[in-house]
């Protein structure tokens, strides 16, 4: 998972299999010029999957 704004990128890298659902958070993302790109990328062997559900963007004061 990654987020990018103003040329800066913050990412969370999964290092092992997660057979159960896992909450992943990116914190302290600075949004520049009102734009933020959020994305997901995955690599794996044939038959592997990456399932993403319930994505939220929450403004922190």
PDB file of N, CA and C in Angstrom:
ATOM      1  N   UNK A   1       0.851  -1.158   0.000  1.00  0.00           N
ATOM      2  CA  UNK A   1       0.000   0.000   0.000  1.00  0.00           C
ATOM      3  C   UNK A   1       0.895   1.218   0.000  1.00  0.00           C
ATOM      4  N   UNK A   2       0.516   2.223  -0.769  1.00  0.00           N
ATOM      5  CA  UNK A   2       1.308   3.434  -0.784  1.00  0.00           C
ATOM      6  C   UNK A   2       0.409   4.654  -0.976  1.00  0.00           C
ATOM      7  N   UNK A   3       0.913   5.783  -0.523  1.00  0.00           N
ATOM      8  CA  UNK A   3       0.235   7.058  -0.712  1.00  0.00           C
ATOM      9  C   UNK A   3       1.277   8.061  -1.174  1.00  0.00           C
ATOM     10  N   UNK A   4       0.880   8.907  -2.131  1.00  0.00           N
ATOM     11  CA  UNK A   4       1.824   9.872  -2.682  1.00  0.00           C
ATOM     12  C   UNK A   4       1.159  11.233  -2.840  1.00  0.00           C
ATOM     13  N   UNK A   5       1.876  12.268  -2.402  1.00  0.00           N
ATOM     14  CA  UNK A   5       1.399  13.636  -2.544  1.00  0.00           C
ATOM     15  C   UNK A   5       2.605  14.568  -2.584  1.00  0.00           C
ATOM     16  N   UNK A   6       2.579  15.519  -3.489  1.00  0.00           N
ATOM     17  CA  UNK A   6       3.669  16.480  -3.581  1.00  0.00           C
ATOM     18  C   UNK A   6       5.022  15.861  -3.843  1.00  0.00           C
ATOM     19  N   UNK A   7       5.040  14.724  -4.548  1.00  0.00           N
ATOM     20  CA  UNK A   7       6.303  14.069  -4.867  1.00  0.00           C
ATOM     21  C   UNK A   7       6.874  13.207  -3.753  1.00  0.00           C
ATOM     22  N   UNK A   8       6.199  13.155  -2.597  1.00  0.00           N
ATOM     23  CA  UNK A   8       6.662  12.307  -1.494  1.00  0.00           C
ATOM     24  C   UNK A   8       5.765  11.086  -1.393  1.00  0.00           C
ATOM     25  N   UNK A   9       6.409   9.941  -1.166  1.00  0.00           N
ATOM     26  CA  UNK A   9       5.672   8.679  -1.093  1.00  0.00           C
ATOM     27  C   UNK A   9       5.881   8.016   0.259  1.00  0.00           C
ATOM     28  N   UNK A  10       4.785   7.550   0.827  1.00  0.00           N
ATOM     29  CA  UNK A  10       4.801   6.788   2.081  1.00  0.00           C
ATOM     30  C   UNK A  10       4.274   5.407   1.725  1.00  0.00           C
ATOM     31  N   UNK A  11       4.921   4.356   2.244  1.00  0.00           N
ATOM     32  CA  UNK A  11       4.413   3.029   1.904  1.00  0.00           C
ATOM     33  C   UNK A  11       4.496   2.068   3.085  1.00  0.00           C
ATOM     34  N   UNK A  12       3.682   1.043   2.990  1.00  0.00           N
ATOM     35  CA  UNK A  12       3.673  -0.057   3.949  1.00  0.00           C
ATOM     36  C   UNK A  12       3.988  -1.304   3.152  1.00  0.00           C
ATOM     37  N   UNK A  13       5.023  -2.009   3.545  1.00  0.00           N
ATOM     38  CA  UNK A  13       5.434  -3.206   2.819  1.00  0.00           C
ATOM     39  C   UNK A  13       5.099  -4.444   3.652  1.00  0.00           C
ATOM     40  N   UNK A  14       4.333  -5.349   3.082  1.00  0.00           N
ATOM     41  CA  UNK A  14       4.008  -6.616   3.744  1.00  0.00           C
ATOM     42  C   UNK A  14       5.179  -7.553   3.530  1.00  0.00           C
ATOM     43  N   UNK A  15       5.702  -8.106   4.610  1.00  0.00           N
ATOM     44  CA  UNK A  15       6.909  -8.928   4.508  1.00  0.00           C
ATOM     45  C   UNK A  15       6.656 -10.428   4.571  1.00  0.00           C
ATOM     46  N   UNK A  16       5.437 -10.821   4.934  1.00  0.00           N
ATOM     47  CA  UNK A  16       5.140 -12.253   5.002  1.00  0.00           C
ATOM     48  C   UNK A  16       3.665 -12.487   4.720  1.00  0.00           C
ATOM     49  N   UNK A  17       3.288 -13.740   4.551  1.00  0.00           N
ATOM     50  CA  UNK A  17       1.892 -14.095   4.325  1.00  0.00           C
ATOM     51  C   UNK A  17       1.050 -13.707   5.528  1.00  0.00           C
ATOM     52  N   UNK A  18      -0.179 -13.289   5.251  1.00  0.00           N
ATOM     53  CA  UNK A  18      -1.149 -12.980   6.304  1.00  0.00           C
ATOM     54  C   UNK A  18      -2.412 -13.790   6.036  1.00  0.00           C
ATOM     55  N   UNK A  19      -2.521 -14.983   6.622  1.00  0.00           N
ATOM     56  CA  UNK A  19      -3.686 -15.817   6.344  1.00  0.00           C
ATOM     57  C   UNK A  19      -4.991 -15.229   6.902  1.00  0.00           C
ATOM     58  N   UNK A  20      -4.892 -14.297   7.836  1.00  0.00           N
ATOM     59  CA  UNK A  20      -6.065 -13.629   8.405  1.00  0.00           C
ATOM     60  C   UNK A  20      -6.088 -12.185   7.918  1.00  0.00           C
ATOM     61  N   UNK A  21      -7.261 -11.548   7.983  1.00  0.00           N
ATOM     62  CA  UNK A  21      -7.352 -10.131   7.638  1.00  0.00           C
ATOM     63  C   UNK A  21      -6.475  -9.332   8.578  1.00  0.00           C
ATOM     64  N   UNK A  22      -5.818  -8.327   8.066  1.00  0.00           N
ATOM     65  CA  UNK A  22      -4.916  -7.506   8.857  1.00  0.00           C
ATOM     66  C   UNK A  22      -5.193  -6.032   8.579  1.00  0.00           C
ATOM     67  N   UNK A  23      -5.240  -5.217   9.632  1.00  0.00           N
ATOM     68  CA  UNK A  23      -5.403  -3.778   9.474  1.00  0.00           C
ATOM     69  C   UNK A  23      -4.043  -3.157   9.180  1.00  0.00           C
ATOM     70  N   UNK A  24      -3.992  -2.351   8.142  1.00  0.00           N
ATOM     71  CA  UNK A  24      -2.765  -1.677   7.733  1.00  0.00           C
ATOM     72  C   UNK A  24      -3.037  -0.178   7.743  1.00  0.00           C
ATOM     73  N   UNK A  25      -2.125   0.602   8.315  1.00  0.00           N
ATOM     74  CA  UNK A  25      -2.311   2.046   8.380  1.00  0.00           C
ATOM     75  C   UNK A  25      -1.066   2.779   7.895  1.00  0.00           C
ATOM     76  N   UNK A  26      -1.277   3.842   7.173  1.00  0.00           N
ATOM     77  CA  UNK A  26      -0.220   4.788   6.842  1.00  0.00           C
ATOM     78  C   UNK A  26      -0.563   6.053   7.615  1.00  0.00           C
ATOM     79  N   UNK A  27       0.357   6.537   8.425  1.00  0.00           N
ATOM     80  CA  UNK A  27       0.088   7.711   9.257  1.00  0.00           C
ATOM     81  C   UNK A  27       0.953   8.888   8.829  1.00  0.00           C
ATOM     82  N   UNK A  28       0.508  10.062   9.205  1.00  0.00           N
ATOM     83  CA  UNK A  28       1.242  11.312   8.976  1.00  0.00           C
ATOM     84  C   UNK A  28       1.546  11.537   7.494  1.00  0.00           C
ATOM     85  N   UNK A  29       0.531  11.388   6.668  1.00  0.00           N
ATOM     86  CA  UNK A  29       0.671  11.665   5.247  1.00  0.00           C
ATOM     87  C   UNK A  29       0.308  13.130   5.028  1.00  0.00           C
ATOM     88  N   UNK A  30       1.225  13.893   4.490  1.00  0.00           N
ATOM     89  CA  UNK A  30       0.960  15.297   4.225  1.00  0.00           C
ATOM     90  C   UNK A  30       0.357  15.426   2.829  1.00  0.00           C
ATOM     91  N   UNK A  31      -0.845  15.989   2.758  1.00  0.00           N
ATOM     92  CA  UNK A  31      -1.526  16.191   1.485  1.00  0.00           C
ATOM     93  C   UNK A  31      -1.160  17.576   0.960  1.00  0.00           C
ATOM     94  N   UNK A  32      -0.594  17.614  -0.224  1.00  0.00           N
ATOM     95  CA  UNK A  32      -0.184  18.869  -0.846  1.00  0.00           C
ATOM     96  C   UNK A  32      -1.114  19.221  -1.992  1.00  0.00           C
ATOM     97  N   UNK A  33      -1.487  20.500  -2.075  1.00  0.00           N
ATOM     98  CA  UNK A  33      -2.345  21.013  -3.150  1.00  0.00           C
ATOM     99  C   UNK A  33      -3.656  20.245  -3.278  1.00  0.00           C
ATOM    100  N   UNK A  34      -4.142  19.671  -2.177  1.00  0.00           N
ATOM    101  CA  UNK A  34      -5.430  18.979  -2.179  1.00  0.00           C
ATOM    102  C   UNK A  34      -5.443  17.682  -2.964  1.00  0.00           C
ATOM    103  N   UNK A  35      -4.279  17.128  -3.275  1.00  0.00           N
ATOM    104  CA  UNK A  35      -4.218  15.884  -4.051  1.00  0.00           C
ATOM    105  C   UNK A  35      -3.440  14.799  -3.323  1.00  0.00           C
ATOM    106  N   UNK A  36      -3.980  13.594  -3.374  1.00  0.00           N
ATOM    107  CA  UNK A  36      -3.335  12.427  -2.764  1.00  0.00           C
ATOM    108  C   UNK A  36      -3.658  11.211  -3.622  1.00  0.00           C
ATOM    109  N   UNK A  37      -2.644  10.452  -3.972  1.00  0.00           N
ATOM    110  CA  UNK A  37      -2.842   9.200  -4.706  1.00  0.00           C
ATOM    111  C   UNK A  37      -2.580   8.050  -3.750  1.00  0.00           C
ATOM    112  N   UNK A  38      -3.511   7.108  -3.696  1.00  0.00           N
ATOM    113  CA  UNK A  38      -3.371   5.916  -2.860  1.00  0.00           C
ATOM    114  C   UNK A  38      -3.420   4.713  -3.783  1.00  0.00           C
ATOM    115  N   UNK A  39      -2.514   3.753  -3.562  1.00  0.00           N
ATOM    116  CA  UNK A  39      -2.496   2.591  -4.434  1.00  0.00           C
ATOM    117  C   UNK A  39      -2.032   1.334  -3.729  1.00  0.00           C
ATOM    118  N   UNK A  40      -2.231   0.236  -4.417  1.00  0.00           N
ATOM    119  CA  UNK A  40      -1.839  -1.081  -3.917  1.00  0.00           C
ATOM    120  C   UNK A  40      -1.125  -1.815  -5.039  1.00  0.00           C
ATOM    121  N   UNK A  41      -0.054  -2.485  -4.713  1.00  0.00           N
ATOM    122  CA  UNK A  41       0.631  -3.313  -5.692  1.00  0.00           C
ATOM    123  C   UNK A  41       1.047  -4.606  -5.012  1.00  0.00           C
ATOM    124  N   UNK A  42       1.099  -5.662  -5.797  1.00  0.00           N
ATOM    125  CA  UNK A  42       1.426  -6.968  -5.218  1.00  0.00           C
ATOM    126  C   UNK A  42       2.263  -7.779  -6.200  1.00  0.00           C
ATOM    127  N   UNK A  43       3.134  -8.584  -5.637  1.00  0.00           N
ATOM    128  CA  UNK A  43       3.916  -9.543  -6.413  1.00  0.00           C
ATOM    129  C   UNK A  43       3.785 -10.888  -5.713  1.00  0.00           C
ATOM    130  N   UNK A  44       3.701 -11.913  -6.494  1.00  0.00           N
ATOM    131  CA  UNK A  44       3.606 -13.233  -5.888  1.00  0.00           C
ATOM    132  C   UNK A  44       3.729 -14.327  -6.932  1.00  0.00           C
ATOM    133  N   UNK A  45       3.780 -15.541  -6.451  1.00  0.00           N
ATOM    134  CA  UNK A  45       3.852 -16.697  -7.332  1.00  0.00           C
ATOM    135  C   UNK A  45       2.496 -16.915  -7.991  1.00  0.00           C
ATOM    136  N   UNK A  46       2.475 -17.739  -9.029  1.00  0.00           N
ATOM    137  CA  UNK A  46       1.226 -18.067  -9.715  1.00  0.00           C
ATOM    138  C   UNK A  46       0.201 -18.581  -8.705  1.00  0.00           C
ATOM    139  N   UNK A  47      -1.012 -18.067  -8.785  1.00  0.00           N
ATOM    140  CA  UNK A  47      -2.081 -18.492  -7.874  1.00  0.00           C
ATOM    141  C   UNK A  47      -2.167 -17.674  -6.600  1.00  0.00           C
ATOM    142  N   UNK A  48      -1.200 -16.803  -6.361  1.00  0.00           N
ATOM    143  CA  UNK A  48      -1.232 -15.960  -5.161  1.00  0.00           C
ATOM    144  C   UNK A  48      -2.272 -14.855  -5.351  1.00  0.00           C
ATOM    145  N   UNK A  49      -2.738 -14.278  -4.247  1.00  0.00           N
ATOM    146  CA  UNK A  49      -3.704 -13.195  -4.358  1.00  0.00           C
ATOM    147  C   UNK A  49      -3.436 -12.125  -3.300  1.00  0.00           C
ATOM    148  N   UNK A  50      -3.941 -10.953  -3.577  1.00  0.00           N
ATOM    149  CA  UNK A  50      -3.878  -9.833  -2.637  1.00  0.00           C
ATOM    150  C   UNK A  50      -5.288  -9.273  -2.562  1.00  0.00           C
ATOM    151  N   UNK A  51      -5.911  -9.367  -1.411  1.00  0.00           N
ATOM    152  CA  UNK A  51      -7.287  -8.925  -1.257  1.00  0.00           C
ATOM    153  C   UNK A  51      -7.320  -7.683  -0.366  1.00  0.00           C
ATOM    154  N   UNK A  52      -7.970  -6.632  -0.850  1.00  0.00           N
ATOM    155  CA  UNK A  52      -8.054  -5.357  -0.142  1.00  0.00           C
ATOM    156  C   UNK A  52      -9.524  -5.024   0.030  1.00  0.00           C
ATOM    157  N   UNK A  53      -9.889  -4.582   1.243  1.00  0.00           N
ATOM    158  CA  UNK A  53     -11.287  -4.271   1.529  1.00  0.00           C
ATOM    159  C   UNK A  53     -11.354  -3.121   2.523  1.00  0.00           C
ATOM    160  N   UNK A  54     -12.371  -2.306   2.424  1.00  0.00           N
ATOM    161  CA  UNK A  54     -12.687  -1.275   3.412  1.00  0.00           C
ATOM    162  C   UNK A  54     -11.555  -0.264   3.597  1.00  0.00           C
ATOM    163  N   UNK A  55     -11.253   0.467   2.549  1.00  0.00           N
ATOM    164  CA  UNK A  55     -10.196   1.480   2.576  1.00  0.00           C
ATOM    165  C   UNK A  55     -10.804   2.813   3.027  1.00  0.00           C
ATOM    166  N   UNK A  56     -10.129   3.498   3.967  1.00  0.00           N
ATOM    167  CA  UNK A  56     -10.606   4.783   4.485  1.00  0.00           C
ATOM    168  C   UNK A  56      -9.490   5.806   4.457  1.00  0.00           C
ATOM    169  N   UNK A  57      -9.855   7.050   4.262  1.00  0.00           N
ATOM    170  CA  UNK A  57      -8.926   8.163   4.384  1.00  0.00           C
ATOM    171  C   UNK A  57      -9.482   9.061   5.484  1.00  0.00           C
ATOM    172  N   UNK A  58      -8.711   9.221   6.537  1.00  0.00           N
ATOM    173  CA  UNK A  58      -9.176   9.955   7.730  1.00  0.00           C
ATOM    174  C   UNK A  58      -8.256  11.140   7.969  1.00  0.00           C
ATOM    175  N   UNK A  59      -8.826  12.327   8.057  1.00  0.00           N
ATOM    176  CA  UNK A  59      -8.038  13.518   8.327  1.00  0.00           C
ATOM    177  C   UNK A  59      -7.686  13.583   9.804  1.00  0.00           C
ATOM    178  N   UNK A  60      -6.391  13.759  10.082  1.00  0.00           N
ATOM    179  CA  UNK A  60      -5.925  13.903  11.466  1.00  0.00           C
ATOM    180  C   UNK A  60      -5.629  15.358  11.726  1.00  0.00           C
ATOM    181  N   UNK A  61      -6.052  15.839  12.834  1.00  0.00           N
ATOM    182  CA  UNK A  61      -5.799  17.229  13.223  1.00  0.00           C
ATOM    183  C   UNK A  61      -4.477  17.354  13.913  1.00  0.00           C
TER     184      UNK A  61
END
